[in-house]
Amino acid sequence: MIARIARHAGYNLGSRLNSSEDALEFYSFHDIWINPFVSGQGRGEAMTPWQSARMKEGFHAALARHIPEAERRGTRWGWKAPRSIYLLSFLFAQFPQLKFIHVLRDGRDMALSPNQNQLRKHGRAALRWRERLFRSIPERSALLWEKINLRAADYAKARLRENYLLVRFEDLCAEPLETTARIVNFLEAPIDPAPIAQTEITAPKTLGRWRDCSPRIVSRLETLAAASLRRFGYLN
């Protein structure tokens, strides 16, 4: 939905996309570089100069395939790739004027999703062994959601400032006009958000799936991710 709003706002988001409008050219880059980057952050260690150079080279090669440089000049452009959140400080170093829309969905919904690709690919790099040991998949997923989103929000507020926008998916579905207007204003697009909200925003049936789960499991998830659930307005 956010990608479609950005297109209405005049942004070129590339053409090689999957059904969710994720930019496919960044997939292999993310697979290669997220884990070493995140592992280094967790240990408080920078990557080697060789790694940093190769990572930068790989990113700009992926970007050139996504939208060639000639097409980017003098235009509004971007990409949708949920795993970009792991690399926010790296992306800011490449583009200090970067605008970042942080789309957040209730961590309980995310922990109980059948799609746990991020946990499978990056859980070992992002979570300490004590956080992984003897925990169920939903529990580890909740911890990953908390760590990655808190880190991104803290960094973005400190560094990106007015170029950072946090959008809760639940707000987009419950208040489509108001939330679409916020996004359009953030993207500095002089367009009417009303028809966009009416045609592009539809709440999925899976929204709030955690309410159908065992109260015992939900309580456990809320305990593990309490700090982030409260900070982002999901718990009182």
C-alpha atoms as a PDB file:
ATOM      1  CA  MET A   1       0.000   0.000   0.000  1.00  0.00           C
ATOM      2  CA  ILE A   2       2.785   2.431   0.884  1.00  0.00           C
ATOM      3  CA  ALA A   3       4.502   1.753  -2.426  1.00  0.00           C
ATOM      4  CA  ARG A   4       1.320   2.551  -4.331  1.00  0.00           C
ATOM      5  CA  ILE A   5       0.904   5.786  -2.390  1.00  0.00           C
ATOM      6  CA  ALA A   6       4.495   6.725  -3.267  1.00  0.00           C
ATOM      7  CA  ARG A   7       3.791   6.065  -6.934  1.00  0.00           C
ATOM      8  CA  HIS A   8       0.800   8.400  -6.775  1.00  0.00           C
ATOM      9  CA  ALA A   9       3.175  10.945  -5.215  1.00  0.00           C
ATOM     10  CA  GLY A  10       5.349  10.766  -8.328  1.00  0.00           C
ATOM     11  CA  TYR A  11       8.083   8.386  -7.198  1.00  0.00           C
ATOM     12  CA  ASN A  12       9.712   5.898  -9.542  1.00  0.00           C
ATOM     13  CA  LEU A  13      10.005   2.651  -7.561  1.00  0.00           C
ATOM     14  CA  GLY A  14      11.442   0.555 -10.359  1.00  0.00           C
ATOM     15  CA  SER A  15       9.848  -2.138 -12.480  1.00  0.00           C
ATOM     16  CA  ARG A  16      11.391  -5.448 -11.398  1.00  0.00           C
ATOM     17  CA  LEU A  17       9.160  -6.082  -8.410  1.00  0.00           C
ATOM     18  CA  ASN A  18       7.401  -9.022  -6.805  1.00  0.00           C
ATOM     19  CA  SER A  19       3.648  -9.206  -6.151  1.00  0.00           C
ATOM     20  CA  SER A  20       4.119  -7.171  -2.947  1.00  0.00           C
ATOM     21  CA  GLU A  21       6.030  -4.515  -4.924  1.00  0.00           C
ATOM     22  CA  ASP A  22       9.324  -5.333  -3.189  1.00  0.00           C
ATOM     23  CA  ALA A  23      12.377  -4.422  -5.273  1.00  0.00           C
ATOM     24  CA  LEU A  24      13.858  -7.725  -6.416  1.00  0.00           C
ATOM     25  CA  GLU A  25      17.280  -6.338  -7.306  1.00  0.00           C
ATOM     26  CA  PHE A  26      18.145  -5.914  -3.616  1.00  0.00           C
ATOM     27  CA  TYR A  27      17.370  -9.508  -2.586  1.00  0.00           C
ATOM     28  CA  SER A  28      20.817 -10.981  -3.127  1.00  0.00           C
ATOM     29  CA  PHE A  29      22.506  -7.875  -1.702  1.00  0.00           C
ATOM     30  CA  HIS A  30      20.475  -8.252   1.482  1.00  0.00           C
ATOM     31  CA  ASP A  31      21.172 -11.976   1.674  1.00  0.00           C
ATOM     32  CA  ILE A  32      24.916 -11.341   1.459  1.00  0.00           C
ATOM     33  CA  TRP A  33      25.357  -8.267   3.644  1.00  0.00           C
ATOM     34  CA  ILE A  34      22.677  -7.995   6.324  1.00  0.00           C
ATOM     35  CA  ASN A  35      24.111 -10.685   8.590  1.00  0.00           C
ATOM     36  CA  PRO A  36      27.723  -9.465   8.701  1.00  0.00           C
ATOM     37  CA  PHE A  37      26.529  -5.871   9.091  1.00  0.00           C
ATOM     38  CA  VAL A  38      24.088  -6.674  11.905  1.00  0.00           C
ATOM     39  CA  SER A  39      26.509  -9.057  13.637  1.00  0.00           C
ATOM     40  CA  GLY A  40      29.131  -6.332  13.723  1.00  0.00           C
ATOM     41  CA  GLN A  41      26.633  -3.866  15.177  1.00  0.00           C
ATOM     42  CA  GLY A  42      25.727  -6.359  17.890  1.00  0.00           C
ATOM     43  CA  ARG A  43      29.375  -6.762  18.886  1.00  0.00           C
ATOM     44  CA  GLY A  44      30.083  -3.049  18.598  1.00  0.00           C
ATOM     45  CA  GLU A  45      32.572  -3.738  15.816  1.00  0.00           C
ATOM     46  CA  ALA A  46      32.841  -2.067  12.432  1.00  0.00           C
ATOM     47  CA  MET A  47      33.318  -4.141   9.320  1.00  0.00           C
ATOM     48  CA  THR A  48      36.776  -4.239   7.787  1.00  0.00           C
ATOM     49  CA  PRO A  49      37.609  -1.641   5.113  1.00  0.00           C
ATOM     50  CA  TRP A  50      37.540  -4.434   2.531  1.00  0.00           C
ATOM     51  CA  GLN A  51      34.054  -5.544   3.644  1.00  0.00           C
ATOM     52  CA  SER A  52      32.777  -1.970   3.699  1.00  0.00           C
ATOM     53  CA  ALA A  53      34.047  -1.333   0.181  1.00  0.00           C
ATOM     54  CA  ARG A  54      32.521  -4.547  -1.155  1.00  0.00           C
ATOM     55  CA  MET A  55      29.200  -3.811   0.569  1.00  0.00           C
ATOM     56  CA  LYS A  56      29.047  -0.307  -0.888  1.00  0.00           C
ATOM     57  CA  GLU A  57      29.945  -1.650  -4.323  1.00  0.00           C
ATOM     58  CA  GLY A  58      27.262  -4.348  -4.097  1.00  0.00           C
ATOM     59  CA  PHE A  59      24.620  -1.861  -3.024  1.00  0.00           C
ATOM     60  CA  HIS A  60      25.270   0.601  -5.821  1.00  0.00           C
ATOM     61  CA  ALA A  61      25.323  -2.235  -8.360  1.00  0.00           C
ATOM     62  CA  ALA A  62      21.905  -3.393  -7.119  1.00  0.00           C
ATOM     63  CA  LEU A  63      20.614   0.175  -7.213  1.00  0.00           C
ATOM     64  CA  ALA A  64      21.863   0.634 -10.784  1.00  0.00           C
ATOM     65  CA  ARG A  65      19.942  -2.474 -11.821  1.00  0.00           C
ATOM     66  CA  HIS A  66      16.859  -1.312  -9.925  1.00  0.00           C
ATOM     67  CA  ILE A  67      16.808   2.166 -11.474  1.00  0.00           C
ATOM     68  CA  PRO A  68      19.728   3.158 -13.740  1.00  0.00           C
ATOM     69  CA  GLU A  69      21.514   6.335 -12.705  1.00  0.00           C
ATOM     70  CA  ALA A  70      20.409   8.161 -15.849  1.00  0.00           C
ATOM     71  CA  GLU A  71      16.766   7.587 -14.867  1.00  0.00           C
ATOM     72  CA  ARG A  72      17.378   8.854 -11.329  1.00  0.00           C
ATOM     73  CA  ARG A  73      18.773  12.250 -12.285  1.00  0.00           C
ATOM     74  CA  GLY A  74      16.330  15.034 -11.550  1.00  0.00           C
ATOM     75  CA  THR A  75      13.541  12.639 -10.574  1.00  0.00           C
ATOM     76  CA  ARG A  76      11.926  11.287  -7.448  1.00  0.00           C
ATOM     77  CA  TRP A  77      12.813   7.667  -6.958  1.00  0.00           C
ATOM     78  CA  GLY A  78      13.093   5.026  -4.284  1.00  0.00           C
ATOM     79  CA  TRP A  79      12.476   1.399  -3.476  1.00  0.00           C
ATOM     80  CA  LYS A  80      10.383  -0.803  -1.235  1.00  0.00           C
ATOM     81  CA  ALA A  81      12.397  -3.492   0.521  1.00  0.00           C
ATOM     82  CA  PRO A  82      11.344  -4.410   4.072  1.00  0.00           C
ATOM     83  CA  ARG A  83      14.815  -5.679   4.961  1.00  0.00           C
ATOM     84  CA  SER A  84      16.278  -2.216   4.372  1.00  0.00           C
ATOM     85  CA  ILE A  85      15.451  -1.593   8.024  1.00  0.00           C
ATOM     86  CA  TYR A  86      18.468  -3.689   9.044  1.00  0.00           C
ATOM     87  CA  LEU A  87      20.798  -1.390   7.094  1.00  0.00           C
ATOM     88  CA  LEU A  88      19.444   2.046   7.927  1.00  0.00           C
ATOM     89  CA  SER A  89      22.745   3.521   9.124  1.00  0.00           C
ATOM     90  CA  PHE A  90      24.500   2.192   6.008  1.00  0.00           C
ATOM     91  CA  LEU A  91      21.828   3.678   3.742  1.00  0.00           C
ATOM     92  CA  PHE A  92      22.042   7.024   5.517  1.00  0.00           C
ATOM     93  CA  ALA A  93      25.800   7.042   4.892  1.00  0.00           C
ATOM     94  CA  GLN A  94      25.132   6.588   1.162  1.00  0.00           C
ATOM     95  CA  PHE A  95      22.316   9.137   0.996  1.00  0.00           C
ATOM     96  CA  PRO A  96      22.334  11.714   3.843  1.00  0.00           C
ATOM     97  CA  GLN A  97      19.105  13.242   2.441  1.00  0.00           C
ATOM     98  CA  LEU A  98      17.379   9.856   2.490  1.00  0.00           C
ATOM     99  CA  LYS A  99      13.675   9.845   3.302  1.00  0.00           C
ATOM    100  CA  PHE A 100      12.666   6.718   5.215  1.00  0.00           C
ATOM    101  CA  ILE A 101       9.109   5.524   5.809  1.00  0.00           C
ATOM    102  CA  HIS A 102       9.182   3.050   8.688  1.00  0.00           C
ATOM    103  CA  VAL A 103       6.120   0.837   8.268  1.00  0.00           C
ATOM    104  CA  LEU A 104       5.340  -0.957  11.488  1.00  0.00           C
ATOM    105  CA  ARG A 105       2.874  -3.751  12.152  1.00  0.00           C
ATOM    106  CA  ASP A 106       1.891  -5.095  15.572  1.00  0.00           C
ATOM    107  CA  GLY A 107       4.703  -7.352  16.764  1.00  0.00           C
ATOM    108  CA  ARG A 108       2.197  -9.934  17.965  1.00  0.00           C
ATOM    109  CA  ASP A 109       0.813 -10.239  14.445  1.00  0.00           C
ATOM    110  CA  MET A 110       4.327 -10.496  13.052  1.00  0.00           C
ATOM    111  CA  ALA A 111       5.407 -13.126  15.565  1.00  0.00           C
ATOM    112  CA  LEU A 112       2.395 -15.289  14.725  1.00  0.00           C
ATOM    113  CA  SER A 113       2.721 -14.956  10.952  1.00  0.00           C
ATOM    114  CA  PRO A 114       3.427 -18.130   8.959  1.00  0.00           C
ATOM    115  CA  ASN A 115       6.054 -16.104   7.070  1.00  0.00           C
ATOM    116  CA  GLN A 116       9.172 -16.139   9.230  1.00  0.00           C
ATOM    117  CA  ASN A 117      11.746 -15.586   6.490  1.00  0.00           C
ATOM    118  CA  GLN A 118      13.448 -12.728   8.314  1.00  0.00           C
ATOM    119  CA  LEU A 119      13.852 -14.799  11.460  1.00  0.00           C
ATOM    120  CA  ARG A 120      15.173 -17.717   9.432  1.00  0.00           C
ATOM    121  CA  LYS A 121      17.641 -15.573   7.517  1.00  0.00           C
ATOM    122  CA  HIS A 122      18.743 -13.053  10.135  1.00  0.00           C
ATOM    123  CA  GLY A 123      17.684 -14.269  13.571  1.00  0.00           C
ATOM    124  CA  ARG A 124      21.049 -15.832  14.366  1.00  0.00           C
ATOM    125  CA  ALA A 125      22.888 -12.633  13.403  1.00  0.00           C
ATOM    126  CA  ALA A 126      20.537 -10.209  15.158  1.00  0.00           C
ATOM    127  CA  LEU A 127      19.726 -12.124  18.350  1.00  0.00           C
ATOM    128  CA  ARG A 128      22.180 -13.205  21.031  1.00  0.00           C
ATOM    129  CA  TRP A 129      22.342 -16.908  21.762  1.00  0.00           C
ATOM    130  CA  ARG A 130      20.603 -16.360  25.120  1.00  0.00           C
ATOM    131  CA  GLU A 131      17.694 -14.769  23.267  1.00  0.00           C
ATOM    132  CA  ARG A 132      17.422 -17.743  20.929  1.00  0.00           C
ATOM    133  CA  LEU A 133      17.970 -20.600  23.376  1.00  0.00           C
ATOM    134  CA  PHE A 134      14.879 -22.643  24.299  1.00  0.00           C
ATOM    135  CA  ARG A 135      12.528 -20.176  22.662  1.00  0.00           C
ATOM    136  CA  SER A 136       9.704 -20.936  20.253  1.00  0.00           C
ATOM    137  CA  ILE A 137       9.620 -19.443  16.767  1.00  0.00           C
ATOM    138  CA  PRO A 138       6.978 -16.835  17.761  1.00  0.00           C
ATOM    139  CA  GLU A 139       9.045 -15.844  20.796  1.00  0.00           C
ATOM    140  CA  ARG A 140      12.223 -15.410  18.773  1.00  0.00           C
ATOM    141  CA  SER A 141      10.266 -13.538  16.115  1.00  0.00           C
ATOM    142  CA  ALA A 142       8.878 -11.124  18.728  1.00  0.00           C
ATOM    143  CA  LEU A 143      12.373 -10.461  20.067  1.00  0.00           C
ATOM    144  CA  LEU A 144      13.691  -9.842  16.559  1.00  0.00           C
ATOM    145  CA  TRP A 145      10.797  -7.465  15.814  1.00  0.00           C
ATOM    146  CA  GLU A 146      11.520  -5.538  18.986  1.00  0.00           C
ATOM    147  CA  LYS A 147      15.268  -5.262  18.489  1.00  0.00           C
ATOM    148  CA  ILE A 148      15.209  -4.264  14.825  1.00  0.00           C
ATOM    149  CA  ASN A 149      12.375  -1.759  15.099  1.00  0.00           C
ATOM    150  CA  LEU A 150      13.654  -0.073  18.259  1.00  0.00           C
ATOM    151  CA  ARG A 151      17.135   0.236  16.773  1.00  0.00           C
ATOM    152  CA  ALA A 152      15.765   1.712  13.542  1.00  0.00           C
ATOM    153  CA  ALA A 153      13.428   4.145  15.301  1.00  0.00           C
ATOM    154  CA  ASP A 154      16.155   5.375  17.657  1.00  0.00           C
ATOM    155  CA  TYR A 155      18.644   5.861  14.835  1.00  0.00           C
ATOM    156  CA  ALA A 156      16.165   7.527  12.490  1.00  0.00           C
ATOM    157  CA  LYS A 157      14.907   9.990  15.088  1.00  0.00           C
ATOM    158  CA  ALA A 158      18.461  10.987  15.951  1.00  0.00           C
ATOM    159  CA  ARG A 159      19.914  11.176  12.447  1.00  0.00           C
ATOM    160  CA  LEU A 160      17.186  11.407   9.790  1.00  0.00           C
ATOM    161  CA  ARG A 161      14.916  13.615  11.903  1.00  0.00           C
ATOM    162  CA  GLU A 162      12.344  15.296   9.629  1.00  0.00           C
ATOM    163  CA  ASN A 163      13.213  12.808   6.874  1.00  0.00           C
ATOM    164  CA  TYR A 164      11.812   9.967   8.984  1.00  0.00           C
ATOM    165  CA  LEU A 165       8.168   8.949   9.151  1.00  0.00           C
ATOM    166  CA  LEU A 166       6.782   6.151  11.308  1.00  0.00           C
ATOM    167  CA  VAL A 167       3.547   4.657   9.980  1.00  0.00           C
ATOM    168  CA  ARG A 168       1.679   1.968  11.876  1.00  0.00           C
ATOM    169  CA  PHE A 169      -0.014  -0.385   9.457  1.00  0.00           C
ATOM    170  CA  GLU A 170      -3.018  -0.551  11.769  1.00  0.00           C
ATOM    171  CA  ASP A 171      -3.449   3.232  11.541  1.00  0.00           C
ATOM    172  CA  LEU A 172      -3.272   3.097   7.749  1.00  0.00           C
ATOM    173  CA  CYS A 173      -6.120   0.563   7.738  1.00  0.00           C
ATOM    174  CA  ALA A 174      -8.230   2.207  10.471  1.00  0.00           C
ATOM    175  CA  GLU A 175      -7.719   5.820   9.353  1.00  0.00           C
ATOM    176  CA  PRO A 176      -6.823   5.589   5.670  1.00  0.00           C
ATOM    177  CA  LEU A 177      -7.451   9.223   4.740  1.00  0.00           C
ATOM    178  CA  GLU A 178      -5.571  10.753   7.665  1.00  0.00           C
ATOM    179  CA  THR A 179      -2.631   8.362   7.359  1.00  0.00           C
ATOM    180  CA  THR A 180      -2.405   8.697   3.585  1.00  0.00           C
ATOM    181  CA  ALA A 181      -2.384  12.472   4.016  1.00  0.00           C
ATOM    182  CA  ARG A 182       0.565  12.167   6.418  1.00  0.00           C
ATOM    183  CA  ILE A 183       2.482  10.062   3.903  1.00  0.00           C
ATOM    184  CA  VAL A 184       1.703  12.373   0.979  1.00  0.00           C
ATOM    185  CA  ASN A 185       2.769  15.416   3.001  1.00  0.00           C
ATOM    186  CA  PHE A 186       5.984  13.670   4.045  1.00  0.00           C
ATOM    187  CA  LEU A 187       6.721  12.948   0.386  1.00  0.00           C
ATOM    188  CA  GLU A 188       6.029  16.604  -0.426  1.00  0.00           C
ATOM    189  CA  ALA A 189       3.485  15.768  -3.090  1.00  0.00           C
ATOM    190  CA  PRO A 190       0.771  18.393  -3.745  1.00  0.00           C
ATOM    191  CA  ILE A 191      -1.979  15.861  -4.408  1.00  0.00           C
ATOM    192  CA  ASP A 192      -5.349  15.024  -2.898  1.00  0.00           C
ATOM    193  CA  PRO A 193      -4.984  11.994  -0.594  1.00  0.00           C
ATOM    194  CA  ALA A 194      -8.710  11.185  -0.570  1.00  0.00           C
ATOM    195  CA  PRO A 195      -8.981   9.229  -3.854  1.00  0.00           C
ATOM    196  CA  ILE A 196      -5.705   7.436  -3.097  1.00  0.00           C
ATOM    197  CA  ALA A 197      -6.934   6.322   0.311  1.00  0.00           C
ATOM    198  CA  GLN A 198     -10.242   5.209  -1.161  1.00  0.00           C
ATOM    199  CA  THR A 199      -8.751   3.091  -3.935  1.00  0.00           C
ATOM    200  CA  GLU A 200      -5.479   1.810  -2.465  1.00  0.00           C
ATOM    201  CA  ILE A 201      -6.123   1.008   1.205  1.00  0.00           C
ATOM    202  CA  THR A 202      -7.720  -2.310   2.134  1.00  0.00           C
ATOM    203  CA  ALA A 203      -7.203  -4.011   5.480  1.00  0.00           C
ATOM    204  CA  PRO A 204      -6.072  -7.645   5.108  1.00  0.00           C
ATOM    205  CA  LYS A 205      -8.040 -10.384   6.823  1.00  0.00           C
ATOM    206  CA  THR A 206      -4.938 -11.268   8.834  1.00  0.00           C
ATOM    207  CA  LEU A 207      -4.889  -7.910  10.621  1.00  0.00           C
ATOM    208  CA  GLY A 208      -5.118  -8.587  14.356  1.00  0.00           C
ATOM    209  CA  ARG A 209      -4.566 -12.330  13.957  1.00  0.00           C
ATOM    210  CA  TRP A 210      -3.000 -12.439  17.418  1.00  0.00           C
ATOM    211  CA  ARG A 211      -6.473 -12.047  18.943  1.00  0.00           C
ATOM    212  CA  ASP A 212      -7.327 -15.561  17.744  1.00  0.00           C
ATOM    213  CA  CYS A 213      -4.275 -17.074  19.404  1.00  0.00           C
ATOM    214  CA  SER A 214      -3.989 -18.701  22.818  1.00  0.00           C
ATOM    215  CA  PRO A 215      -3.986 -16.062  25.600  1.00  0.00           C
ATOM    216  CA  ARG A 216      -1.030 -17.859  27.166  1.00  0.00           C
ATOM    217  CA  ILE A 217       1.059 -17.477  24.010  1.00  0.00           C
ATOM    218  CA  VAL A 218       0.001 -13.851  23.526  1.00  0.00           C
ATOM    219  CA  SER A 219       0.864 -13.064  27.142  1.00  0.00           C
ATOM    220  CA  ARG A 220       4.307 -14.546  26.642  1.00  0.00           C
ATOM    221  CA  LEU A 221       4.889 -12.452  23.517  1.00  0.00           C
ATOM    222  CA  GLU A 222       3.705  -9.311  25.295  1.00  0.00           C
ATOM    223  CA  THR A 223       6.127  -9.977  28.135  1.00  0.00           C
ATOM    224  CA  LEU A 224       9.092 -10.519  25.827  1.00  0.00           C
ATOM    225  CA  ALA A 225       8.427  -7.465  23.637  1.00  0.00           C
ATOM    226  CA  ALA A 226       6.776  -5.245  26.239  1.00  0.00           C
ATOM    227  CA  ALA A 227       9.115  -2.279  25.790  1.00  0.00           C
ATOM    228  CA  SER A 228       8.556  -1.972  22.055  1.00  0.00           C
ATOM    229  CA  LEU A 229       4.849  -2.809  22.133  1.00  0.00           C
ATOM    230  CA  ARG A 230       4.344  -0.001  24.646  1.00  0.00           C
ATOM    231  CA  ARG A 231       6.584   2.473  22.858  1.00  0.00           C
ATOM    232  CA  PHE A 232       4.799   1.976  19.546  1.00  0.00           C
ATOM    233  CA  GLY A 233       1.342   2.147  21.135  1.00  0.00           C
ATOM    234  CA  TYR A 234       0.328  -1.509  21.018  1.00  0.00           C
ATOM    235  CA  LEU A 235       0.179  -1.956  24.800  1.00  0.00           C
ATOM    236  CA  ASN A 236      -0.995   0.464  27.462  1.00  0.00           C
END
